[in-house]
Amino acid sequence: MLSDTATRYAVPRRKLILVTVAGVVIAVTAVVAGVALRIVDARNLRSWTDIQAIPAVEVVKPAAIPSGPTLDLPSRLEAFSRAPIFARVNGYLKSWSVDIGTPVKAGQFLAEIETPELDQQLLQARADLVTAQANYDLSATTAKRWQALVDTDSVSRQEVDDRLGDFAAKKATVTAARANVERLVAMKGFQRIVAPFDGVITSRNTDVGALINAGSGGAGQQLFTVSYVKQLRLYVQVPQNYTPLIRVGTTATLTVPEHAGEKFTARVIASAESVDVNSGTTLVQLLVDNSEGRLLPGGYASLRFSLPVDANAVQVPATALVFDRRGLMVATLTADNHIAFKQVTISRDLGDVVDIGSGLSATDRVIDTPPDGLANGDAVRVAPPASGANAATAATAAPRAASGPGRVTPPRSPNHG
């Protein structure tokens, strides 16, 4: 009986011992695991804190410039050749045969001037020529006769010389009278006004019966204007810093308000090769084909020059620029992730991005939006690239320990149990 009772109580005691031992083991394991976890978390937090003490920066690579800068300048279209027509003789306009917009050929009749005064002067000059010719003929006969008598000693040598001198004077008078007639005949030819070259009549400022005064400017009135418009000239003032890029043969795109959206091509044919001290610009002449007559001389035109790409220029975001007492700078990273500021110059500002003309190369690593307080030689860490909604927080995100494929967990506090 006692042995059965002892056996019956022995079994629960062994179970109790096993349970107690298992509980102790579990408790010890939990304590050890908790302490180990806190040690690991403390180490991770210290590492994360050390990393966070180093500024995180975003790095961009300077991009090659896809196209060169453009230069837009205002200009005026002018006829390739333009001639204001003035009268060379006084009178009244007898008739005209062309009006504005009429194409004309070189030598084509434009108008005729009635010249009564000139006609009378020509009649008088011809009469003077006849008189001078008659006097010349008589003097020539007399001089010949006196020269024949000089050998007979019936006349003196002085009298013979007088007759010969009179003959020479009469001869000169005939020459002058004939020249005067020819001059008036030439003037008479100007009563017919003709076109000096092929072109189009761009102005007519006279009419039948109008009083015509010879001369130009204030002395006379401009009658017509003839312009050659198959080709047009453009004169544009180019800023001095762009002058070396715009040479003879350079082409430009031309636009005019009356043909919106349409582009024409103009070519540089001459340059003043000097800088105007008042404007700081160089006068450049261009030529544009107008064989179809779509462009109008005197009209406004906008010129766009596509300048060549600078092989040494690169493009960076505008947010990478730093301006301080040292000037315009860009923060770059050395091979060991230390700050190196470089002084740069801007060749073109496009708003969000800028073209750097000098001071930067395509192999540099540029810091975008550098934090305040950075100095040369400071150590930084490169933030991982981010996009979309995570871009704002990627630079300051804490280092994370992997806890499974595709998941990360933040470091835990040392007090976490």
Protein backbone atom coordinates (compact mmCIF):
# COMPACT_ATOMS: atom_id res chain seq x y z
CA MET A 1 0.00 0.00 0.00
CA LEU A 2 2.75 2.43 0.92
CA SER A 3 4.71 1.65 -2.22
CA ASP A 4 1.67 2.41 -4.38
CA THR A 5 1.12 5.68 -2.60
CA ALA A 6 4.79 6.64 -2.91
CA THR A 7 4.70 5.80 -6.58
CA ARG A 8 1.51 7.82 -7.06
CA TYR A 9 3.10 10.97 -5.49
CA ALA A 10 6.53 10.52 -7.17
CA VAL A 11 5.23 11.07 -10.67
CA PRO A 12 3.77 14.60 -10.07
CA ARG A 13 6.94 15.61 -8.24
CA ARG A 14 9.08 14.76 -11.28
CA LYS A 15 6.68 16.67 -13.52
CA LEU A 16 6.86 19.64 -11.18
CA ILE A 17 10.64 19.59 -11.31
CA LEU A 18 10.64 19.38 -15.08
CA VAL A 19 8.17 22.21 -15.34
CA THR A 20 10.20 24.30 -12.92
CA VAL A 21 13.45 23.62 -14.78
CA ALA A 22 11.76 24.41 -18.10
CA GLY A 23 10.38 27.66 -16.69
CA VAL A 24 13.78 28.65 -15.39
CA VAL A 25 15.38 27.86 -18.75
CA ILE A 26 12.72 29.88 -20.58
CA ALA A 27 13.10 32.80 -18.19
CA VAL A 28 16.88 32.77 -18.54
CA THR A 29 16.60 32.51 -22.32
CA ALA A 30 14.16 35.44 -22.42
CA VAL A 31 16.43 37.55 -20.23
CA VAL A 32 19.50 36.68 -22.32
CA ALA A 33 17.61 37.34 -25.56
CA GLY A 34 16.30 40.67 -24.27
CA VAL A 35 19.74 41.79 -23.14
CA ALA A 36 21.29 40.73 -26.44
CA LEU A 37 18.55 42.52 -28.39
CA ARG A 38 19.04 45.68 -26.37
CA ILE A 39 22.79 45.51 -27.00
CA VAL A 40 22.22 45.10 -30.74
CA ASP A 41 19.67 47.95 -30.80
CA ALA A 42 22.01 50.19 -28.84
CA ARG A 43 24.83 49.43 -31.27
CA ASN A 44 22.50 50.13 -34.25
CA LEU A 45 21.30 53.37 -32.69
CA ARG A 46 24.85 54.55 -32.07
CA SER A 47 25.77 53.69 -35.66
CA TRP A 48 22.66 55.47 -36.97
CA THR A 49 23.40 58.50 -34.80
CA ASP A 50 26.99 58.63 -36.06
CA ILE A 51 25.76 58.42 -39.64
CA GLN A 52 23.14 61.11 -39.07
CA ALA A 53 25.82 63.41 -37.71
CA ILE A 54 27.33 63.44 -41.24
CA PRO A 55 25.21 65.60 -43.61
CA ALA A 56 23.42 63.69 -46.33
CA VAL A 57 23.55 65.22 -49.81
CA GLU A 58 22.02 64.44 -53.16
CA VAL A 59 24.45 64.17 -56.03
CA VAL A 60 23.76 64.96 -59.69
CA LYS A 61 25.98 64.58 -62.71
CA PRO A 62 26.50 67.60 -64.98
CA ALA A 63 24.67 67.00 -68.24
CA ALA A 64 25.91 67.74 -71.71
CA ILE A 65 24.15 70.72 -73.29
CA PRO A 66 21.80 69.36 -75.99
CA SER A 67 21.83 72.52 -78.10
CA GLY A 68 23.62 75.83 -78.21
CA PRO A 69 22.15 79.11 -77.00
CA THR A 70 19.94 81.25 -79.21
CA LEU A 71 20.19 84.99 -79.71
CA ASP A 72 16.98 86.87 -80.58
CA LEU A 73 17.38 90.37 -82.00
CA PRO A 74 14.98 92.86 -83.62
CA SER A 75 15.65 94.13 -87.12
CA ARG A 76 14.13 95.92 -90.12
CA LEU A 77 13.81 94.66 -93.67
CA GLU A 78 15.28 96.94 -96.31
CA ALA A 79 15.32 96.73 -100.10
CA PHE A 80 18.54 95.40 -101.58
CA SER A 81 18.71 98.53 -103.76
CA ARG A 82 16.60 101.64 -103.27
CA ALA A 83 16.77 104.81 -105.37
CA PRO A 84 14.72 107.98 -104.77
CA ILE A 85 14.08 109.64 -108.14
CA PHE A 86 14.49 113.43 -108.39
CA ALA A 87 14.20 115.72 -111.40
CA ARG A 88 17.31 117.13 -113.08
CA VAL A 89 15.42 119.89 -114.91
CA ASN A 90 12.82 122.50 -113.95
CA GLY A 91 9.36 122.49 -115.43
CA TYR A 92 5.93 120.93 -115.07
CA LEU A 93 5.05 117.26 -114.99
CA LYS A 94 3.56 116.47 -118.39
CA SER A 95 2.64 112.79 -117.78
CA TRP A 96 3.48 109.70 -115.71
CA SER A 97 3.02 106.03 -116.61
CA VAL A 98 3.67 104.01 -113.42
CA ASP A 99 2.14 103.94 -109.97
CA ILE A 100 3.06 102.32 -106.67
CA GLY A 101 3.49 98.56 -106.85
CA THR A 102 4.32 98.57 -110.57
CA PRO A 103 7.26 96.35 -111.55
CA VAL A 104 9.69 98.18 -113.83
CA LYS A 105 12.74 97.33 -115.90
CA ALA A 106 15.96 99.29 -116.13
CA GLY A 107 15.46 102.19 -118.57
CA GLN A 108 11.65 101.97 -118.53
CA PHE A 109 9.82 105.29 -118.97
CA LEU A 110 8.32 106.63 -115.74
CA ALA A 111 7.30 110.23 -116.41
CA GLU A 112 7.94 113.25 -118.65
CA ILE A 113 8.57 116.86 -117.66
CA GLU A 114 7.57 119.79 -119.82
CA THR A 115 10.54 122.23 -119.97
CA PRO A 116 9.67 125.50 -121.79
CA GLU A 117 12.55 127.47 -120.28
CA LEU A 118 15.07 124.81 -121.17
CA ASP A 119 13.73 124.68 -124.73
CA GLN A 120 14.31 128.42 -125.14
CA GLN A 121 17.79 128.15 -123.67
CA LEU A 122 18.60 125.42 -126.15
CA LEU A 123 17.35 127.53 -129.06
CA GLN A 124 19.49 130.45 -127.88
CA ALA A 125 22.55 128.22 -127.46
CA ARG A 126 22.17 126.85 -130.98
CA ALA A 127 21.88 130.40 -132.35
CA ASP A 128 25.01 131.39 -130.43
CA LEU A 129 26.78 128.41 -131.95
CA VAL A 130 25.81 129.50 -135.48
CA THR A 131 27.08 133.04 -134.77
CA ALA A 132 30.33 131.74 -133.32
CA GLN A 133 30.79 129.42 -136.27
CA ALA A 134 30.30 132.31 -138.74
CA ASN A 135 32.78 134.50 -136.88
CA TYR A 136 35.20 131.58 -136.82
CA ASP A 137 34.92 131.04 -140.57
CA LEU A 138 35.53 134.74 -141.31
CA SER A 139 38.46 134.87 -138.92
CA ALA A 140 39.95 131.75 -140.49
CA THR A 141 39.78 133.31 -144.03
CA THR A 142 41.26 136.60 -142.84
CA ALA A 143 44.09 134.96 -140.98
CA LYS A 144 44.95 132.84 -144.03
CA ARG A 145 45.07 135.89 -146.30
CA TRP A 146 47.23 137.96 -143.93
CA GLN A 147 49.61 135.09 -143.47
CA ALA A 148 50.05 134.93 -147.29
CA LEU A 149 50.91 138.65 -147.42
CA VAL A 150 53.58 138.53 -144.75
CA ASP A 151 56.21 137.36 -147.26
CA THR A 152 55.55 140.40 -149.54
CA ASP A 153 56.32 142.86 -146.76
CA SER A 154 53.02 144.62 -147.49
CA VAL A 155 51.79 143.95 -143.96
CA SER A 156 53.62 143.95 -140.68
CA ARG A 157 54.31 140.85 -138.68
CA GLN A 158 52.37 142.31 -135.74
CA GLU A 159 49.21 142.66 -137.83
CA VAL A 160 49.53 139.06 -138.97
CA ASP A 161 49.89 137.88 -135.35
CA ASP A 162 46.75 139.87 -134.40
CA ARG A 163 44.75 138.11 -137.11
CA LEU A 164 46.05 134.69 -136.06
CA GLY A 165 45.18 135.42 -132.38
CA ASP A 166 41.66 136.48 -133.38
CA PHE A 167 41.31 133.25 -135.33
CA ALA A 168 42.30 131.15 -132.27
CA ALA A 169 39.84 133.08 -130.06
CA LYS A 170 37.01 132.55 -132.53
CA LYS A 171 37.84 128.86 -132.62
CA ALA A 172 37.63 128.64 -128.81
CA THR A 173 34.32 130.49 -128.89
CA VAL A 174 32.91 127.91 -131.30
CA THR A 175 34.10 125.09 -129.03
CA ALA A 176 32.46 126.71 -125.97
CA ALA A 177 29.20 127.37 -127.87
CA ARG A 178 29.09 123.77 -129.09
CA ALA A 179 29.72 122.45 -125.55
CA ASN A 180 26.90 124.63 -124.23
CA VAL A 181 24.52 123.19 -126.84
CA GLU A 182 25.55 119.66 -125.95
CA ARG A 183 25.04 120.42 -122.25
CA LEU A 184 21.52 121.69 -122.86
CA VAL A 185 20.74 118.74 -125.11
CA ALA A 186 21.88 116.43 -122.29
CA MET A 187 19.71 118.35 -119.85
CA LYS A 188 16.81 118.06 -122.30
CA GLY A 189 17.24 114.29 -122.10
CA PHE A 190 16.42 114.43 -118.38
CA GLN A 191 12.91 115.58 -119.14
CA ARG A 192 12.18 111.88 -119.60
CA ILE A 193 12.45 110.09 -116.25
CA VAL A 194 13.39 106.40 -116.51
CA ALA A 195 13.98 103.56 -114.02
CA PRO A 196 17.65 103.16 -113.00
CA PHE A 197 17.37 99.37 -112.46
CA ASP A 198 14.89 96.51 -112.33
CA GLY A 199 12.58 96.83 -109.36
CA VAL A 200 9.19 97.99 -108.19
CA ILE A 201 7.77 101.47 -107.65
CA THR A 202 7.38 101.88 -103.89
CA SER A 203 6.33 105.55 -103.87
CA ARG A 204 4.94 108.25 -106.23
CA ASN A 205 4.86 111.80 -104.94
CA THR A 206 3.83 113.83 -107.99
CA ASP A 207 1.03 114.24 -110.51
CA VAL A 208 0.30 115.84 -113.86
CA GLY A 209 0.77 119.62 -113.80
CA ALA A 210 2.90 119.67 -110.66
CA LEU A 211 5.70 122.21 -110.57
CA ILE A 212 9.04 120.41 -110.76
CA ASN A 213 12.22 121.86 -109.26
CA ALA A 214 15.54 120.32 -110.15
CA GLY A 215 17.76 118.95 -107.41
CA SER A 216 17.44 116.77 -104.30
CA GLY A 217 16.86 117.38 -100.63
CA GLY A 218 15.35 120.79 -99.89
CA ALA A 219 15.82 122.08 -103.46
CA GLY A 220 13.67 119.50 -105.21
CA GLN A 221 10.82 117.11 -104.57
CA GLN A 222 11.21 113.32 -104.73
CA LEU A 223 9.05 112.07 -107.59
CA PHE A 224 9.32 108.27 -107.35
CA THR A 225 11.13 105.58 -105.39
CA VAL A 226 12.35 102.47 -107.16
CA SER A 227 13.33 99.47 -105.00
CA TYR A 228 14.81 96.10 -105.87
CA VAL A 229 12.98 93.65 -103.60
CA LYS A 230 13.90 90.21 -104.97
CA GLN A 231 16.48 90.22 -102.21
CA LEU A 232 16.25 92.13 -98.96
CA ARG A 233 18.87 93.38 -96.56
CA LEU A 234 18.66 93.31 -92.78
CA TYR A 235 20.82 95.35 -90.44
CA VAL A 236 21.05 94.21 -86.84
CA GLN A 237 23.05 95.35 -83.82
CA VAL A 238 24.82 92.34 -82.25
CA PRO A 239 26.02 92.64 -78.61
CA GLN A 240 29.79 92.68 -78.31
CA ASN A 241 30.09 89.38 -76.41
CA TYR A 242 28.31 87.51 -79.23
CA THR A 243 30.21 89.17 -82.08
CA PRO A 244 32.93 86.44 -82.34
CA LEU A 245 30.19 83.81 -82.84
CA ILE A 246 28.43 85.60 -85.70
CA ARG A 247 30.70 85.68 -88.72
CA VAL A 248 30.16 86.03 -92.48
CA GLY A 249 28.21 82.97 -93.66
CA THR A 250 26.32 82.45 -90.38
CA THR A 251 22.61 81.79 -90.93
CA ALA A 252 19.69 83.05 -88.87
CA THR A 253 15.98 82.29 -88.71
CA LEU A 254 13.74 85.18 -89.68
CA THR A 255 10.11 85.65 -88.62
CA VAL A 256 7.69 88.47 -89.46
CA PRO A 257 4.31 89.32 -87.89
CA GLU A 258 2.34 89.02 -91.13
CA HIS A 259 3.41 85.36 -91.58
CA ALA A 260 2.99 84.01 -88.05
CA GLY A 261 4.59 80.63 -87.51
CA GLU A 262 6.51 80.73 -90.80
CA LYS A 263 10.28 80.95 -90.84
CA PHE A 264 12.66 82.36 -93.42
CA THR A 265 16.43 82.00 -93.65
CA ALA A 266 18.82 84.95 -93.66
CA ARG A 267 22.58 84.82 -94.17
CA VAL A 268 25.26 87.13 -92.79
CA ILE A 269 27.09 88.83 -95.68
CA ALA A 270 28.99 91.63 -93.93
CA SER A 271 30.04 92.95 -90.54
CA ALA A 272 31.21 96.38 -89.48
CA GLU A 273 34.13 94.72 -87.63
CA SER A 274 33.95 97.45 -84.99
CA VAL A 275 32.01 98.17 -81.82
CA ASP A 276 29.78 101.21 -81.48
CA VAL A 277 30.96 103.04 -78.35
CA ASN A 278 27.44 104.29 -77.61
CA SER A 279 25.61 100.94 -77.73
CA GLY A 280 28.39 98.37 -77.30
CA THR A 281 27.17 96.50 -80.39
CA THR A 282 28.48 95.59 -83.83
CA LEU A 283 26.47 96.31 -86.98
CA VAL A 284 25.87 93.13 -89.00
CA GLN A 285 24.26 92.93 -92.44
CA LEU A 286 22.22 89.90 -93.57
CA LEU A 287 20.63 88.94 -96.88
CA VAL A 288 17.32 87.10 -97.34
CA ASP A 289 15.84 85.75 -100.54
CA ASN A 290 12.50 87.33 -101.48
CA SER A 291 12.00 85.99 -104.99
CA GLU A 292 8.38 85.16 -104.13
CA GLY A 293 7.75 88.69 -102.87
CA ARG A 294 6.30 87.61 -99.52
CA LEU A 295 8.49 89.88 -97.42
CA LEU A 296 7.95 93.64 -97.43
CA PRO A 297 10.81 96.15 -97.26
CA GLY A 298 10.56 98.46 -94.29
CA GLY A 299 8.80 95.82 -92.17
CA TYR A 300 9.78 94.63 -88.69
CA ALA A 301 11.54 91.28 -88.44
CA SER A 302 12.78 89.13 -85.58
CA LEU A 303 16.09 87.35 -86.06
CA ARG A 304 17.16 84.23 -84.16
CA PHE A 305 20.75 83.06 -84.27
CA SER A 306 21.42 79.46 -83.21
CA LEU A 307 24.86 79.70 -81.66
CA PRO A 308 27.27 76.75 -81.50
CA VAL A 309 27.50 74.57 -78.41
CA ASP A 310 30.48 75.23 -76.16
CA ALA A 311 32.33 71.93 -75.90
CA ASN A 312 33.41 72.73 -72.32
CA ALA A 313 29.98 73.87 -71.08
CA VAL A 314 27.74 71.65 -68.95
CA GLN A 315 24.24 71.95 -67.53
CA VAL A 316 23.27 71.66 -63.85
CA PRO A 317 20.11 72.38 -61.82
CA ALA A 318 19.77 75.98 -60.69
CA THR A 319 19.39 74.69 -57.11
CA ALA A 320 23.03 73.55 -57.16
CA LEU A 321 24.33 77.14 -57.27
CA VAL A 322 25.73 78.79 -54.16
CA PHE A 323 26.36 82.53 -54.03
CA ASP A 324 28.35 84.04 -51.19
CA ARG A 325 31.11 86.56 -50.61
CA ARG A 326 33.45 84.42 -52.70
CA GLY A 327 31.16 84.69 -55.71
CA LEU A 328 29.16 82.11 -57.62
CA MET A 329 30.10 78.60 -56.52
CA VAL A 330 29.10 74.97 -57.00
CA ALA A 331 29.70 72.32 -54.32
CA THR A 332 31.26 69.11 -55.64
CA LEU A 333 32.32 65.81 -54.07
CA THR A 334 35.84 64.44 -54.08
CA ALA A 335 36.54 60.74 -54.54
CA ASP A 336 36.44 60.22 -50.74
CA ASN A 337 33.14 62.14 -50.34
CA HIS A 338 34.53 65.43 -49.09
CA ILE A 339 33.29 68.88 -50.12
CA ALA A 340 35.18 70.86 -52.77
CA PHE A 341 33.70 74.21 -53.82
CA LYS A 342 34.38 75.36 -57.39
CA GLN A 343 33.90 78.86 -58.74
CA VAL A 344 31.85 78.86 -61.95
CA THR A 345 30.41 81.23 -64.55
CA ILE A 346 26.95 81.03 -66.09
CA SER A 347 26.68 81.19 -69.87
CA ARG A 348 22.89 80.83 -70.03
CA ASP A 349 20.12 80.83 -67.43
CA LEU A 350 17.14 78.66 -68.41
CA GLY A 351 15.26 78.92 -65.11
CA ASP A 352 15.25 75.40 -63.65
CA VAL A 353 18.65 74.61 -65.13
CA VAL A 354 21.67 76.74 -65.97
CA ASP A 355 24.48 76.31 -68.47
CA ILE A 356 27.89 76.54 -66.80
CA GLY A 357 30.44 78.13 -69.10
CA SER A 358 33.55 77.50 -67.03
CA GLY A 359 34.73 76.03 -63.74
CA LEU A 360 32.98 72.64 -64.01
CA SER A 361 33.57 69.46 -65.99
CA ALA A 362 31.27 66.61 -66.99
CA THR A 363 33.07 64.20 -64.62
CA ASP A 364 32.40 66.24 -61.47
CA ARG A 365 29.87 65.10 -58.89
CA VAL A 366 27.70 68.11 -58.09
CA ILE A 367 25.67 68.50 -54.88
CA ASP A 368 22.09 69.53 -55.52
CA THR A 369 20.68 71.95 -52.93
CA PRO A 370 23.76 71.87 -50.64
CA PRO A 371 22.98 72.29 -46.91
CA ASP A 372 23.93 75.53 -45.20
CA GLY A 373 27.21 75.63 -43.33
CA LEU A 374 29.20 73.34 -45.61
CA ALA A 375 32.87 74.19 -46.01
CA ASN A 376 35.72 72.88 -48.11
CA GLY A 377 36.92 69.51 -46.83
CA ASP A 378 33.74 68.63 -44.89
CA ALA A 379 32.80 64.95 -44.98
CA VAL A 380 29.33 64.13 -46.28
CA ARG A 381 27.41 61.05 -47.21
CA VAL A 382 25.57 60.51 -50.47
CA ALA A 383 21.86 60.00 -50.01
CA PRO A 384 20.29 57.24 -52.11
CA PRO A 385 18.45 58.47 -55.20
CA ALA A 386 14.76 58.97 -54.64
CA SER A 387 11.79 59.78 -56.83
CA GLY A 388 8.12 60.54 -56.48
CA ALA A 389 6.61 61.01 -53.05
CA ASN A 390 9.68 59.58 -51.27
CA ALA A 391 12.04 62.21 -52.70
CA ALA A 392 11.54 64.62 -49.79
CA THR A 393 12.43 62.09 -47.11
CA ALA A 394 15.04 59.96 -48.83
CA ALA A 395 17.96 62.19 -47.86
CA THR A 396 17.22 62.01 -44.15
CA ALA A 397 16.00 58.42 -43.90
CA ALA A 398 17.68 56.39 -41.10
CA PRO A 399 19.75 53.28 -41.84
CA ARG A 400 17.61 50.17 -41.55
CA ALA A 401 18.33 46.49 -40.76
CA ALA A 402 16.92 43.88 -43.09
CA SER A 403 14.16 41.77 -41.56
CA GLY A 404 13.15 39.76 -44.54
CA PRO A 405 12.98 39.98 -48.30
CA GLY A 406 11.61 43.33 -49.42
CA ARG A 407 11.10 44.72 -45.90
CA VAL A 408 13.09 47.00 -43.61
CA THR A 409 12.54 47.88 -39.96
CA PRO A 410 13.74 51.03 -38.12
CA PRO A 411 16.17 50.69 -35.19
CA ARG A 412 14.51 50.24 -31.84
CA SER A 413 15.12 52.16 -28.63
CA PRO A 414 17.49 50.57 -26.06
CA ASN A 415 14.62 50.60 -23.58
CA HIS A 416 12.54 48.37 -25.76
CA GLY A 417 11.99 45.04 -24.01
